[in-house]
Amino acid sequence: MQMQGIGTELYGRSLNAFQLKITSLYDQNVLIIYMIFFQCSL
């Protein structure tokens, strides 16, 4: 029972880190697209 709890916690943490990584990647892409769009509109 103890091991299962540790496994669940580790799984939750890795899922959390994965979501954070996705979010930062998404933010970078939006920033790049915004910069390109801004340069094109000048």
C-alpha atoms as a PDB file:
ATOM      1  CA  MET A   1       0.000   0.000   0.000  1.00  0.00           C
ATOM      2  CA  GLN A   2       2.850   2.350   0.867  1.00  0.00           C
ATOM      3  CA  MET A   3       4.628   1.684  -2.440  1.00  0.00           C
ATOM      4  CA  GLN A   4       1.448   2.383  -4.400  1.00  0.00           C
ATOM      5  CA  GLY A   5       1.109   5.768  -2.713  1.00  0.00           C
ATOM      6  CA  ILE A   6       4.697   6.680  -3.593  1.00  0.00           C
ATOM      7  CA  GLY A   7       4.127   5.574  -7.190  1.00  0.00           C
ATOM      8  CA  THR A   8       0.987   7.683  -7.471  1.00  0.00           C
ATOM      9  CA  GLU A   9       2.799  10.702  -6.057  1.00  0.00           C
ATOM     10  CA  LEU A  10       5.712  10.315  -8.477  1.00  0.00           C
ATOM     11  CA  TYR A  11       3.277   9.913 -11.376  1.00  0.00           C
ATOM     12  CA  GLY A  12       1.430  13.055 -10.314  1.00  0.00           C
ATOM     13  CA  ARG A  13       4.665  15.040 -10.075  1.00  0.00           C
ATOM     14  CA  SER A  14       5.933  13.923 -13.480  1.00  0.00           C
ATOM     15  CA  LEU A  15       2.541  14.742 -15.010  1.00  0.00           C
ATOM     16  CA  ASN A  16       2.718  18.185 -13.406  1.00  0.00           C
ATOM     17  CA  ALA A  17       6.242  18.782 -14.754  1.00  0.00           C
ATOM     18  CA  PHE A  18       5.124  17.619 -18.197  1.00  0.00           C
ATOM     19  CA  GLN A  19       2.223  20.094 -18.183  1.00  0.00           C
ATOM     20  CA  LEU A  20       4.571  22.908 -17.136  1.00  0.00           C
ATOM     21  CA  LYS A  21       6.936  22.009 -19.988  1.00  0.00           C
ATOM     22  CA  ILE A  22       4.051  22.018 -22.492  1.00  0.00           C
ATOM     23  CA  THR A  23       2.877  25.397 -21.192  1.00  0.00           C
ATOM     24  CA  SER A  24       6.309  27.019 -21.505  1.00  0.00           C
ATOM     25  CA  LEU A  25       6.727  25.585 -25.011  1.00  0.00           C
ATOM     26  CA  TYR A  26       3.304  26.965 -25.938  1.00  0.00           C
ATOM     27  CA  ASP A  27       4.221  30.398 -24.549  1.00  0.00           C
ATOM     28  CA  GLN A  28       7.457  30.430 -26.586  1.00  0.00           C
ATOM     29  CA  ASN A  29       5.596  29.573 -29.790  1.00  0.00           C
ATOM     30  CA  VAL A  30       2.993  32.279 -29.174  1.00  0.00           C
ATOM     31  CA  LEU A  31       5.771  34.797 -28.534  1.00  0.00           C
ATOM     32  CA  ILE A  32       7.580  33.838 -31.767  1.00  0.00           C
ATOM     33  CA  ILE A  33       4.358  33.987 -33.813  1.00  0.00           C
ATOM     34  CA  TYR A  34       3.497  37.345 -32.245  1.00  0.00           C
ATOM     35  CA  MET A  35       6.958  38.742 -33.059  1.00  0.00           C
ATOM     36  CA  ILE A  36       6.757  37.569 -36.688  1.00  0.00           C
ATOM     37  CA  PHE A  37       3.243  38.985 -37.024  1.00  0.00           C
ATOM     38  CA  PHE A  38       4.359  42.277 -35.464  1.00  0.00           C
ATOM     39  CA  GLN A  39       7.306  42.573 -37.889  1.00  0.00           C
ATOM     40  CA  CYS A  40       5.074  41.774 -40.881  1.00  0.00           C
ATOM     41  CA  SER A  41       2.547  44.438 -39.890  1.00  0.00           C
ATOM     42  CA  LEU A  42       5.192  47.190 -39.655  1.00  0.00           C
END
